[in-house]
């Protein structure tokens, strides 16, 4: 004989079942939303302190897209605030005291610009979040340039250094300035004789290289990868310790010039963040770094992984400031 549930118990049991579904349902639906990983920051804005198309811009937009594609957070706003080699953006960032929904893409160029412009605010005034990448600079000319090799370029440069303008996407003291100065010294050219023309990022520099307004340009490999591969730019050399995979260009060292130089990029935030705000930003970047989306972007852009967070990144920033001062003094600049 089958036992029947008394009618008066059926409604309460149904209600109990619905309640259990409500309790059990949400965790099954939140996977990948960013809430359960502690990385979702509604209204997060990522500042780029130079013009579109430069290294900081590419890094910021790549990081934002990868974070969203990985489900870590949503609707990150990336915006540009160029000026004075990145120090206009730096000043704005420091002025946003306690704003846990703002961060800035930056690198060695901002360190150098703050020093060479005698800026009132420095990276020591920010909250260090993470160093993300390291990359080599490239020495490039337009496809119509008469220089086919780095040797030909430097031979011509040695004859009339002041008549061959060199373009870089950073202010004096930044990576695109230091790299050609080291090249000049290695070639026997007094760095003070170099006619260096600074641009506010690699995007702004590109038009001058393509239009032969400068004899050659120096910028990050990730900024000009597409133009090199398409043949718009001719790669003459890379500044680091090894050739860049997928590119046909020697290192300066193997070409006979004793130069080994690399650049890096990272993320800083305003001062005055609470521990919880700082930790949430760091957690977002840490999980971004571990994502397959970011790993693919490193490979695609020719970036080397150089991940470093928190206090260790802060110590690194302090060491980089001292390095810029030392190199400029050593070069007599």
C-alpha atoms as a PDB file:
ATOM      1  CA  UNK A   1       0.000   0.000   0.000  1.00  0.00           C
ATOM      2  CA  UNK A   2       1.425   3.451  -1.006  1.00  0.00           C
ATOM      3  CA  UNK A   3       1.576   6.072   1.727  1.00  0.00           C
ATOM      4  CA  UNK A   4       0.270   9.494   0.773  1.00  0.00           C
ATOM      5  CA  UNK A   5       1.528  12.798   2.057  1.00  0.00           C
ATOM      6  CA  UNK A   6      -1.300  14.516   3.878  1.00  0.00           C
ATOM      7  CA  UNK A   7      -2.597  17.500   1.860  1.00  0.00           C
ATOM      8  CA  UNK A   8      -1.893  19.937   4.664  1.00  0.00           C
ATOM      9  CA  UNK A   9       1.852  19.075   4.531  1.00  0.00           C
ATOM     10  CA  UNK A  10       2.263  19.414   0.755  1.00  0.00           C
ATOM     11  CA  UNK A  11       2.420  23.220   0.637  1.00  0.00           C
ATOM     12  CA  UNK A  12       4.930  23.559   3.508  1.00  0.00           C
ATOM     13  CA  UNK A  13       7.164  20.909   1.911  1.00  0.00           C
ATOM     14  CA  UNK A  14       7.011  22.712  -1.424  1.00  0.00           C
ATOM     15  CA  UNK A  15       7.976  25.962   0.259  1.00  0.00           C
ATOM     16  CA  UNK A  16      10.877  24.210   1.992  1.00  0.00           C
ATOM     17  CA  UNK A  17      12.066  22.888  -1.364  1.00  0.00           C
ATOM     18  CA  UNK A  18      11.945  26.380  -2.886  1.00  0.00           C
ATOM     19  CA  UNK A  19      13.880  27.801   0.035  1.00  0.00           C
ATOM     20  CA  UNK A  20      16.589  25.172  -0.402  1.00  0.00           C
ATOM     21  CA  UNK A  21      16.869  26.050  -4.099  1.00  0.00           C
ATOM     22  CA  UNK A  22      17.333  29.721  -3.201  1.00  0.00           C
ATOM     23  CA  UNK A  23      20.064  28.833  -0.728  1.00  0.00           C
ATOM     24  CA  UNK A  24      21.827  26.431  -3.054  1.00  0.00           C
ATOM     25  CA  UNK A  25      21.305  28.309  -6.345  1.00  0.00           C
ATOM     26  CA  UNK A  26      23.449  31.479  -6.123  1.00  0.00           C
ATOM     27  CA  UNK A  27      26.860  29.796  -5.596  1.00  0.00           C
ATOM     28  CA  UNK A  28      26.206  27.726  -8.712  1.00  0.00           C
ATOM     29  CA  UNK A  29      25.614  30.892 -10.727  1.00  0.00           C
ATOM     30  CA  UNK A  30      28.520  33.131  -9.579  1.00  0.00           C
ATOM     31  CA  UNK A  31      31.438  31.206 -11.053  1.00  0.00           C
ATOM     32  CA  UNK A  32      33.644  33.541 -13.081  1.00  0.00           C
ATOM     33  CA  UNK A  33      31.850  36.721 -12.032  1.00  0.00           C
ATOM     34  CA  UNK A  34      34.816  38.071 -10.084  1.00  0.00           C
ATOM     35  CA  UNK A  35      32.778  38.247  -6.855  1.00  0.00           C
ATOM     36  CA  UNK A  36      33.879  34.872  -5.556  1.00  0.00           C
ATOM     37  CA  UNK A  37      37.558  35.593  -6.371  1.00  0.00           C
ATOM     38  CA  UNK A  38      37.605  38.935  -4.538  1.00  0.00           C
ATOM     39  CA  UNK A  39      38.681  40.804  -7.683  1.00  0.00           C
ATOM     40  CA  UNK A  40      35.560  42.627  -8.852  1.00  0.00           C
ATOM     41  CA  UNK A  41      36.004  46.419  -8.507  1.00  0.00           C
ATOM     42  CA  UNK A  42      32.942  48.236  -9.911  1.00  0.00           C
ATOM     43  CA  UNK A  43      33.864  51.523 -11.581  1.00  0.00           C
ATOM     44  CA  UNK A  44      37.591  50.757 -11.835  1.00  0.00           C
ATOM     45  CA  UNK A  45      39.461  53.278 -14.034  1.00  0.00           C
ATOM     46  CA  UNK A  46      42.925  52.726 -15.477  1.00  0.00           C
ATOM     47  CA  UNK A  47      44.853  55.866 -16.413  1.00  0.00           C
ATOM     48  CA  UNK A  48      47.413  55.969 -19.228  1.00  0.00           C
ATOM     49  CA  UNK A  49      49.796  58.930 -18.706  1.00  0.00           C
ATOM     50  CA  UNK A  50      50.682  59.335 -22.391  1.00  0.00           C
ATOM     51  CA  UNK A  51      49.041  59.326 -25.819  1.00  0.00           C
ATOM     52  CA  UNK A  52      47.172  56.384 -27.401  1.00  0.00           C
ATOM     53  CA  UNK A  53      49.313  53.764 -29.105  1.00  0.00           C
ATOM     54  CA  UNK A  54      52.277  53.918 -26.724  1.00  0.00           C
ATOM     55  CA  UNK A  55      53.593  51.187 -24.456  1.00  0.00           C
ATOM     56  CA  UNK A  56      51.622  52.238 -21.380  1.00  0.00           C
ATOM     57  CA  UNK A  57      48.468  52.429 -23.506  1.00  0.00           C
ATOM     58  CA  UNK A  58      48.933  48.993 -25.063  1.00  0.00           C
ATOM     59  CA  UNK A  59      49.729  47.465 -21.662  1.00  0.00           C
ATOM     60  CA  UNK A  60      46.700  49.059 -19.980  1.00  0.00           C
ATOM     61  CA  UNK A  61      44.211  48.127 -22.699  1.00  0.00           C
ATOM     62  CA  UNK A  62      45.583  44.596 -22.941  1.00  0.00           C
ATOM     63  CA  UNK A  63      45.380  44.127 -19.156  1.00  0.00           C
ATOM     64  CA  UNK A  64      41.827  45.492 -19.031  1.00  0.00           C
ATOM     65  CA  UNK A  65      40.603  43.246 -21.840  1.00  0.00           C
ATOM     66  CA  UNK A  66      42.341  40.172 -20.420  1.00  0.00           C
ATOM     67  CA  UNK A  67      40.875  40.803 -16.947  1.00  0.00           C
ATOM     68  CA  UNK A  68      37.384  41.093 -18.398  1.00  0.00           C
ATOM     69  CA  UNK A  69      37.788  38.060 -20.674  1.00  0.00           C
ATOM     70  CA  UNK A  70      38.981  36.036 -17.655  1.00  0.00           C
ATOM     71  CA  UNK A  71      35.867  37.090 -15.691  1.00  0.00           C
ATOM     72  CA  UNK A  72      37.880  38.833 -12.993  1.00  0.00           C
ATOM     73  CA  UNK A  73      36.050  42.155 -13.221  1.00  0.00           C
ATOM     74  CA  UNK A  74      33.930  44.085 -15.697  1.00  0.00           C
ATOM     75  CA  UNK A  75      33.793  47.420 -17.534  1.00  0.00           C
ATOM     76  CA  UNK A  76      37.265  48.757 -16.725  1.00  0.00           C
ATOM     77  CA  UNK A  77      37.540  52.273 -18.161  1.00  0.00           C
ATOM     78  CA  UNK A  78      40.924  52.993 -19.747  1.00  0.00           C
ATOM     79  CA  UNK A  79      41.596  56.694 -20.369  1.00  0.00           C
ATOM     80  CA  UNK A  80      44.571  58.782 -21.520  1.00  0.00           C
ATOM     81  CA  UNK A  81      45.950  61.813 -19.668  1.00  0.00           C
ATOM     82  CA  UNK A  82      49.197  62.700 -21.483  1.00  0.00           C
ATOM     83  CA  UNK A  83      51.702  65.410 -20.681  1.00  0.00           C
ATOM     84  CA  UNK A  84      55.282  66.014 -19.514  1.00  0.00           C
ATOM     85  CA  UNK A  85      56.437  62.442 -20.034  1.00  0.00           C
ATOM     86  CA  UNK A  86      53.779  61.011 -17.730  1.00  0.00           C
ATOM     87  CA  UNK A  87      54.142  63.429 -14.833  1.00  0.00           C
ATOM     88  CA  UNK A  88      50.787  65.144 -15.537  1.00  0.00           C
ATOM     89  CA  UNK A  89      49.094  61.786 -15.014  1.00  0.00           C
ATOM     90  CA  UNK A  90      51.288  61.070 -12.007  1.00  0.00           C
ATOM     91  CA  UNK A  91      50.251  64.349 -10.370  1.00  0.00           C
ATOM     92  CA  UNK A  92      46.580  63.540 -11.000  1.00  0.00           C
ATOM     93  CA  UNK A  93      46.997  60.078  -9.496  1.00  0.00           C
ATOM     94  CA  UNK A  94      48.660  61.371  -6.339  1.00  0.00           C
ATOM     95  CA  UNK A  95      45.907  63.975  -6.029  1.00  0.00           C
ATOM     96  CA  UNK A  96      43.275  61.202  -5.923  1.00  0.00           C
ATOM     97  CA  UNK A  97      44.193  60.335  -2.322  1.00  0.00           C
ATOM     98  CA  UNK A  98      42.274  57.300  -1.053  1.00  0.00           C
ATOM     99  CA  UNK A  99      40.633  56.466  -4.406  1.00  0.00           C
ATOM    100  CA  UNK A 100      40.613  52.670  -4.560  1.00  0.00           C
ATOM    101  CA  UNK A 101      38.961  52.673  -7.988  1.00  0.00           C
ATOM    102  CA  UNK A 102      41.821  54.321  -9.860  1.00  0.00           C
ATOM    103  CA  UNK A 103      45.173  52.925 -11.004  1.00  0.00           C
ATOM    104  CA  UNK A 104      47.827  53.992 -13.514  1.00  0.00           C
ATOM    105  CA  UNK A 105      49.869  52.141 -16.116  1.00  0.00           C
ATOM    106  CA  UNK A 106      53.502  53.278 -15.950  1.00  0.00           C
ATOM    107  CA  UNK A 107      57.142  52.291 -16.278  1.00  0.00           C
ATOM    108  CA  UNK A 108      60.734  53.497 -16.342  1.00  0.00           C
ATOM    109  CA  UNK A 109      59.721  56.485 -18.482  1.00  0.00           C
ATOM    110  CA  UNK A 110      57.698  57.990 -15.641  1.00  0.00           C
ATOM    111  CA  UNK A 111      60.621  57.463 -13.253  1.00  0.00           C
ATOM    112  CA  UNK A 112      62.913  59.367 -15.618  1.00  0.00           C
ATOM    113  CA  UNK A 113      60.387  62.112 -16.405  1.00  0.00           C
ATOM    114  CA  UNK A 114      59.734  62.800 -12.726  1.00  0.00           C
ATOM    115  CA  UNK A 115      63.468  63.201 -12.214  1.00  0.00           C
ATOM    116  CA  UNK A 116      64.322  65.206 -15.367  1.00  0.00           C
ATOM    117  CA  UNK A 117      61.261  67.506 -15.018  1.00  0.00           C
ATOM    118  CA  UNK A 118      61.916  68.029 -11.325  1.00  0.00           C
ATOM    119  CA  UNK A 119      58.260  67.055 -10.766  1.00  0.00           C
ATOM    120  CA  UNK A 120      56.704  67.935  -7.394  1.00  0.00           C
ATOM    121  CA  UNK A 121      55.271  64.419  -7.114  1.00  0.00           C
ATOM    122  CA  UNK A 122      57.202  61.184  -7.607  1.00  0.00           C
ATOM    123  CA  UNK A 123      56.393  57.483  -7.617  1.00  0.00           C
ATOM    124  CA  UNK A 124      57.373  57.407  -3.947  1.00  0.00           C
ATOM    125  CA  UNK A 125      54.061  59.248  -3.359  1.00  0.00           C
ATOM    126  CA  UNK A 126      51.989  56.426  -4.905  1.00  0.00           C
ATOM    127  CA  UNK A 127      50.825  52.994  -3.730  1.00  0.00           C
ATOM    128  CA  UNK A 128      52.882  50.368  -5.623  1.00  0.00           C
ATOM    129  CA  UNK A 129      50.707  47.530  -6.921  1.00  0.00           C
ATOM    130  CA  UNK A 130      52.734  45.413  -9.352  1.00  0.00           C
ATOM    131  CA  UNK A 131      55.457  45.284 -11.968  1.00  0.00           C
ATOM    132  CA  UNK A 132      54.068  43.322 -14.912  1.00  0.00           C
ATOM    133  CA  UNK A 133      56.479  43.086 -17.817  1.00  0.00           C
ATOM    134  CA  UNK A 134      59.978  43.628 -19.049  1.00  0.00           C
ATOM    135  CA  UNK A 135      60.836  44.196 -22.693  1.00  0.00           C
ATOM    136  CA  UNK A 136      63.655  45.235 -24.942  1.00  0.00           C
ATOM    137  CA  UNK A 137      63.771  48.440 -26.916  1.00  0.00           C
ATOM    138  CA  UNK A 138      64.070  48.241 -30.688  1.00  0.00           C
ATOM    139  CA  UNK A 139      66.107  50.429 -33.012  1.00  0.00           C
ATOM    140  CA  UNK A 140      63.977  51.048 -36.103  1.00  0.00           C
ATOM    141  CA  UNK A 141      63.918  53.118 -39.299  1.00  0.00           C
ATOM    142  CA  UNK A 142      61.251  53.609 -41.964  1.00  0.00           C
ATOM    143  CA  UNK A 143      61.076  51.147 -44.844  1.00  0.00           C
ATOM    144  CA  UNK A 144      62.445  53.897 -47.138  1.00  0.00           C
ATOM    145  CA  UNK A 145      65.490  54.622 -44.967  1.00  0.00           C
ATOM    146  CA  UNK A 146      68.909  54.239 -46.626  1.00  0.00           C
ATOM    147  CA  UNK A 147      70.158  52.314 -43.586  1.00  0.00           C
ATOM    148  CA  UNK A 148      69.858  48.565 -43.973  1.00  0.00           C
ATOM    149  CA  UNK A 149      71.960  47.482 -40.980  1.00  0.00           C
ATOM    150  CA  UNK A 150      72.790  48.832 -37.528  1.00  0.00           C
ATOM    151  CA  UNK A 151      76.421  49.168 -38.636  1.00  0.00           C
ATOM    152  CA  UNK A 152      75.493  51.456 -41.536  1.00  0.00           C
ATOM    153  CA  UNK A 153      73.331  53.589 -39.251  1.00  0.00           C
ATOM    154  CA  UNK A 154      75.975  54.020 -36.586  1.00  0.00           C
ATOM    155  CA  UNK A 155      78.733  54.761 -39.138  1.00  0.00           C
ATOM    156  CA  UNK A 156      76.621  57.632 -40.489  1.00  0.00           C
ATOM    157  CA  UNK A 157      75.682  58.729 -36.956  1.00  0.00           C
ATOM    158  CA  UNK A 158      79.349  58.953 -35.930  1.00  0.00           C
ATOM    159  CA  UNK A 159      80.120  61.302 -38.817  1.00  0.00           C
ATOM    160  CA  UNK A 160      77.394  63.874 -38.003  1.00  0.00           C
ATOM    161  CA  UNK A 161      75.646  63.011 -34.719  1.00  0.00           C
ATOM    162  CA  UNK A 162      73.971  66.402 -34.389  1.00  0.00           C
ATOM    163  CA  UNK A 163      72.469  66.202 -37.900  1.00  0.00           C
ATOM    164  CA  UNK A 164      70.799  62.821 -37.292  1.00  0.00           C
ATOM    165  CA  UNK A 165      67.839  63.330 -34.965  1.00  0.00           C
ATOM    166  CA  UNK A 166      66.974  60.356 -32.781  1.00  0.00           C
ATOM    167  CA  UNK A 167      63.334  59.945 -31.737  1.00  0.00           C
ATOM    168  CA  UNK A 168      62.179  58.292 -28.530  1.00  0.00           C
ATOM    169  CA  UNK A 169      58.824  57.874 -26.830  1.00  0.00           C
ATOM    170  CA  UNK A 170      59.958  59.147 -23.450  1.00  0.00           C
ATOM    171  CA  UNK A 171      61.327  62.279 -21.796  1.00  0.00           C
ATOM    172  CA  UNK A 172      65.035  62.643 -20.952  1.00  0.00           C
ATOM    173  CA  UNK A 173      65.831  60.072 -18.299  1.00  0.00           C
ATOM    174  CA  UNK A 174      63.301  57.603 -19.689  1.00  0.00           C
ATOM    175  CA  UNK A 175      64.107  54.305 -21.421  1.00  0.00           C
ATOM    176  CA  UNK A 176      63.871  55.565 -25.001  1.00  0.00           C
ATOM    177  CA  UNK A 177      66.318  58.327 -24.095  1.00  0.00           C
ATOM    178  CA  UNK A 178      68.774  56.243 -22.078  1.00  0.00           C
ATOM    179  CA  UNK A 179      68.992  53.439 -24.678  1.00  0.00           C
ATOM    180  CA  UNK A 180      70.311  55.587 -27.585  1.00  0.00           C
ATOM    181  CA  UNK A 181      72.638  57.419 -25.190  1.00  0.00           C
ATOM    182  CA  UNK A 182      74.148  54.081 -24.207  1.00  0.00           C
ATOM    183  CA  UNK A 183      74.366  53.217 -27.916  1.00  0.00           C
ATOM    184  CA  UNK A 184      76.174  56.484 -28.601  1.00  0.00           C
ATOM    185  CA  UNK A 185      78.690  55.926 -25.832  1.00  0.00           C
ATOM    186  CA  UNK A 186      79.352  52.361 -27.052  1.00  0.00           C
ATOM    187  CA  UNK A 187      79.947  53.714 -30.562  1.00  0.00           C
ATOM    188  CA  UNK A 188      82.325  56.442 -29.366  1.00  0.00           C
ATOM    189  CA  UNK A 189      79.844  59.311 -29.820  1.00  0.00           C
ATOM    190  CA  UNK A 190      79.733  61.781 -26.904  1.00  0.00           C
ATOM    191  CA  UNK A 191      76.159  61.511 -25.503  1.00  0.00           C
ATOM    192  CA  UNK A 192      76.010  65.306 -25.249  1.00  0.00           C
ATOM    193  CA  UNK A 193      76.324  65.479 -29.049  1.00  0.00           C
ATOM    194  CA  UNK A 194      73.221  63.337 -29.624  1.00  0.00           C
ATOM    195  CA  UNK A 195      70.218  65.199 -31.065  1.00  0.00           C
ATOM    196  CA  UNK A 196      67.475  63.456 -29.088  1.00  0.00           C
ATOM    197  CA  UNK A 197      63.849  64.432 -29.777  1.00  0.00           C
ATOM    198  CA  UNK A 198      61.338  63.266 -27.137  1.00  0.00           C
ATOM    199  CA  UNK A 199      57.757  62.296 -27.998  1.00  0.00           C
ATOM    200  CA  UNK A 200      54.923  61.640 -25.587  1.00  0.00           C
ATOM    201  CA  UNK A 201      54.810  57.888 -26.157  1.00  0.00           C
ATOM    202  CA  UNK A 202      55.572  55.497 -28.990  1.00  0.00           C
ATOM    203  CA  UNK A 203      52.289  56.239 -30.750  1.00  0.00           C
ATOM    204  CA  UNK A 204      53.235  59.888 -31.250  1.00  0.00           C
ATOM    205  CA  UNK A 205      56.763  58.925 -32.298  1.00  0.00           C
ATOM    206  CA  UNK A 206      55.616  56.471 -34.983  1.00  0.00           C
ATOM    207  CA  UNK A 207      54.442  59.123 -37.477  1.00  0.00           C
ATOM    208  CA  UNK A 208      57.840  60.851 -37.335  1.00  0.00           C
ATOM    209  CA  UNK A 209      59.703  57.613 -38.022  1.00  0.00           C
ATOM    210  CA  UNK A 210      57.414  56.663 -40.918  1.00  0.00           C
ATOM    211  CA  UNK A 211      57.711  60.181 -42.335  1.00  0.00           C
ATOM    212  CA  UNK A 212      61.516  60.192 -41.932  1.00  0.00           C
ATOM    213  CA  UNK A 213      61.328  63.239 -39.657  1.00  0.00           C
ATOM    214  CA  UNK A 214      63.887  61.472 -37.465  1.00  0.00           C
ATOM    215  CA  UNK A 215      66.839  59.398 -38.675  1.00  0.00           C
ATOM    216  CA  UNK A 216      65.829  56.506 -36.447  1.00  0.00           C
ATOM    217  CA  UNK A 217      63.612  55.744 -33.502  1.00  0.00           C
ATOM    218  CA  UNK A 218      63.945  53.807 -30.273  1.00  0.00           C
ATOM    219  CA  UNK A 219      60.912  52.331 -28.522  1.00  0.00           C
ATOM    220  CA  UNK A 220      59.538  49.164 -26.933  1.00  0.00           C
ATOM    221  CA  UNK A 221      59.249  46.024 -29.027  1.00  0.00           C
ATOM    222  CA  UNK A 222      55.546  45.580 -28.218  1.00  0.00           C
ATOM    223  CA  UNK A 223      54.717  49.043 -29.546  1.00  0.00           C
ATOM    224  CA  UNK A 224      56.056  48.425 -33.056  1.00  0.00           C
ATOM    225  CA  UNK A 225      55.686  44.681 -33.467  1.00  0.00           C
ATOM    226  CA  UNK A 226      52.899  44.961 -36.054  1.00  0.00           C
ATOM    227  CA  UNK A 227      54.694  47.640 -38.085  1.00  0.00           C
ATOM    228  CA  UNK A 228      57.920  45.614 -38.113  1.00  0.00           C
ATOM    229  CA  UNK A 229      56.127  42.458 -39.211  1.00  0.00           C
ATOM    230  CA  UNK A 230      54.183  44.322 -41.923  1.00  0.00           C
ATOM    231  CA  UNK A 231      57.377  45.875 -43.304  1.00  0.00           C
ATOM    232  CA  UNK A 232      56.451  49.503 -42.551  1.00  0.00           C
ATOM    233  CA  UNK A 233      59.403  49.697 -40.165  1.00  0.00           C
ATOM    234  CA  UNK A 234      62.816  48.108 -40.618  1.00  0.00           C
ATOM    235  CA  UNK A 235      64.274  46.578 -37.463  1.00  0.00           C
ATOM    236  CA  UNK A 236      68.017  47.196 -37.167  1.00  0.00           C
ATOM    237  CA  UNK A 237      68.728  45.917 -33.646  1.00  0.00           C
ATOM    238  CA  UNK A 238      67.330  45.159 -30.197  1.00  0.00           C
ATOM    239  CA  UNK A 239      68.841  46.557 -27.015  1.00  0.00           C
ATOM    240  CA  UNK A 240      68.590  43.554 -24.680  1.00  0.00           C
ATOM    241  CA  UNK A 241      70.632  40.407 -24.039  1.00  0.00           C
ATOM    242  CA  UNK A 242      68.979  38.147 -26.641  1.00  0.00           C
ATOM    243  CA  UNK A 243      67.187  38.305 -29.966  1.00  0.00           C
ATOM    244  CA  UNK A 244      63.401  38.671 -29.883  1.00  0.00           C
ATOM    245  CA  UNK A 245      61.700  35.480 -30.976  1.00  0.00           C
ATOM    246  CA  UNK A 246      59.994  35.880 -34.329  1.00  0.00           C
ATOM    247  CA  UNK A 247      61.912  39.018 -35.320  1.00  0.00           C
ATOM    248  CA  UNK A 248      64.936  39.208 -37.606  1.00  0.00           C
ATOM    249  CA  UNK A 249      67.114  41.650 -35.712  1.00  0.00           C
ATOM    250  CA  UNK A 250      70.470  41.255 -33.938  1.00  0.00           C
ATOM    251  CA  UNK A 251      71.265  42.453 -30.447  1.00  0.00           C
ATOM    252  CA  UNK A 252      73.491  45.510 -30.179  1.00  0.00           C
ATOM    253  CA  UNK A 253      76.035  43.413 -28.320  1.00  0.00           C
ATOM    254  CA  UNK A 254      76.386  40.832 -31.083  1.00  0.00           C
ATOM    255  CA  UNK A 255      76.700  43.743 -33.539  1.00  0.00           C
ATOM    256  CA  UNK A 256      79.784  44.955 -31.674  1.00  0.00           C
ATOM    257  CA  UNK A 257      78.267  47.596 -29.366  1.00  0.00           C
ATOM    258  CA  UNK A 258      78.431  46.913 -25.640  1.00  0.00           C
ATOM    259  CA  UNK A 259      74.832  47.697 -24.699  1.00  0.00           C
ATOM    260  CA  UNK A 260      72.417  45.579 -22.654  1.00  0.00           C
ATOM    261  CA  UNK A 261      69.280  47.531 -21.809  1.00  0.00           C
ATOM    262  CA  UNK A 262      65.666  46.566 -21.034  1.00  0.00           C
ATOM    263  CA  UNK A 263      62.538  48.480 -20.059  1.00  0.00           C
ATOM    264  CA  UNK A 264      59.671  47.462 -17.731  1.00  0.00           C
ATOM    265  CA  UNK A 265      56.037  48.404 -17.029  1.00  0.00           C
ATOM    266  CA  UNK A 266      53.729  48.161 -14.053  1.00  0.00           C
ATOM    267  CA  UNK A 267      50.720  49.476 -12.131  1.00  0.00           C
ATOM    268  CA  UNK A 268      50.555  52.014  -9.293  1.00  0.00           C
ATOM    269  CA  UNK A 269      47.575  53.460  -7.395  1.00  0.00           C
ATOM    270  CA  UNK A 270      46.859  56.654  -5.434  1.00  0.00           C
ATOM    271  CA  UNK A 271      48.247  57.100  -1.911  1.00  0.00           C
ATOM    272  CA  UNK A 272      46.067  56.655   1.147  1.00  0.00           C
ATOM    273  CA  UNK A 273      44.314  53.417   0.183  1.00  0.00           C
ATOM    274  CA  UNK A 274      42.933  51.212   2.936  1.00  0.00           C
ATOM    275  CA  UNK A 275      44.551  47.792   3.321  1.00  0.00           C
ATOM    276  CA  UNK A 276      41.400  46.220   1.862  1.00  0.00           C
ATOM    277  CA  UNK A 277      41.444  48.477  -1.227  1.00  0.00           C
ATOM    278  CA  UNK A 278      45.148  47.883  -1.849  1.00  0.00           C
ATOM    279  CA  UNK A 279      44.756  44.126  -1.378  1.00  0.00           C
ATOM    280  CA  UNK A 280      41.798  43.957  -3.772  1.00  0.00           C
ATOM    281  CA  UNK A 281      43.708  45.770  -6.523  1.00  0.00           C
ATOM    282  CA  UNK A 282      46.725  43.527  -5.931  1.00  0.00           C
ATOM    283  CA  UNK A 283      44.517  40.419  -5.976  1.00  0.00           C
ATOM    284  CA  UNK A 284      43.022  41.487  -9.320  1.00  0.00           C
ATOM    285  CA  UNK A 285      46.459  41.972 -10.875  1.00  0.00           C
ATOM    286  CA  UNK A 286      47.782  38.747  -9.342  1.00  0.00           C
ATOM    287  CA  UNK A 287      44.905  36.706 -10.794  1.00  0.00           C
ATOM    288  CA  UNK A 288      45.287  38.524 -14.123  1.00  0.00           C
ATOM    289  CA  UNK A 289      48.946  37.515 -14.142  1.00  0.00           C
ATOM    290  CA  UNK A 290      47.961  33.857 -13.596  1.00  0.00           C
ATOM    291  CA  UNK A 291      45.323  33.850 -16.359  1.00  0.00           C
ATOM    292  CA  UNK A 292      45.821  32.111 -19.719  1.00  0.00           C
ATOM    293  CA  UNK A 293      44.613  35.300 -21.409  1.00  0.00           C
ATOM    294  CA  UNK A 294      47.536  37.295 -19.993  1.00  0.00           C
ATOM    295  CA  UNK A 295      50.027  34.532 -20.775  1.00  0.00           C
ATOM    296  CA  UNK A 296      48.936  34.654 -24.400  1.00  0.00           C
ATOM    297  CA  UNK A 297      49.305  38.451 -24.453  1.00  0.00           C
ATOM    298  CA  UNK A 298      52.867  38.213 -23.120  1.00  0.00           C
ATOM    299  CA  UNK A 299      53.738  35.902 -25.976  1.00  0.00           C
ATOM    300  CA  UNK A 300      51.903  37.938 -28.625  1.00  0.00           C
ATOM    301  CA  UNK A 301      53.528  41.261 -27.649  1.00  0.00           C
ATOM    302  CA  UNK A 302      57.060  39.970 -27.080  1.00  0.00           C
ATOM    303  CA  UNK A 303      56.908  40.869 -23.383  1.00  0.00           C
ATOM    304  CA  UNK A 304      58.908  39.020 -20.737  1.00  0.00           C
ATOM    305  CA  UNK A 305      57.159  38.182 -17.474  1.00  0.00           C
ATOM    306  CA  UNK A 306      58.582  40.323 -14.652  1.00  0.00           C
ATOM    307  CA  UNK A 307      55.884  39.999 -12.003  1.00  0.00           C
ATOM    308  CA  UNK A 308      56.554  41.684  -8.661  1.00  0.00           C
ATOM    309  CA  UNK A 309      54.046  43.031  -6.143  1.00  0.00           C
ATOM    310  CA  UNK A 310      53.641  45.266  -3.093  1.00  0.00           C
ATOM    311  CA  UNK A 311      56.604  46.250  -0.969  1.00  0.00           C
ATOM    312  CA  UNK A 312      59.103  44.488  -3.224  1.00  0.00           C
ATOM    313  CA  UNK A 313      57.817  46.505  -6.167  1.00  0.00           C
ATOM    314  CA  UNK A 314      58.119  49.653  -4.032  1.00  0.00           C
ATOM    315  CA  UNK A 315      61.768  48.825  -3.297  1.00  0.00           C
ATOM    316  CA  UNK A 316      62.313  48.243  -7.019  1.00  0.00           C
ATOM    317  CA  UNK A 317      60.869  51.683  -7.851  1.00  0.00           C
ATOM    318  CA  UNK A 318      63.256  53.316  -5.382  1.00  0.00           C
ATOM    319  CA  UNK A 319      66.201  51.448  -6.919  1.00  0.00           C
ATOM    320  CA  UNK A 320      65.121  52.507 -10.434  1.00  0.00           C
ATOM    321  CA  UNK A 321      65.062  56.169  -9.387  1.00  0.00           C
ATOM    322  CA  UNK A 322      68.631  55.846  -8.142  1.00  0.00           C
ATOM    323  CA  UNK A 323      69.566  54.029 -11.363  1.00  0.00           C
ATOM    324  CA  UNK A 324      68.271  56.859 -13.558  1.00  0.00           C
ATOM    325  CA  UNK A 325      70.246  59.448 -11.595  1.00  0.00           C
ATOM    326  CA  UNK A 326      73.387  57.303 -11.762  1.00  0.00           C
ATOM    327  CA  UNK A 327      73.147  56.621 -15.516  1.00  0.00           C
ATOM    328  CA  UNK A 328      72.470  60.257 -16.414  1.00  0.00           C
ATOM    329  CA  UNK A 329      75.411  61.358 -14.270  1.00  0.00           C
ATOM    330  CA  UNK A 330      77.633  58.678 -15.798  1.00  0.00           C
ATOM    331  CA  UNK A 331      76.681  59.832 -19.315  1.00  0.00           C
ATOM    332  CA  UNK A 332      77.347  63.447 -18.373  1.00  0.00           C
ATOM    333  CA  UNK A 333      73.705  64.411 -18.884  1.00  0.00           C
END
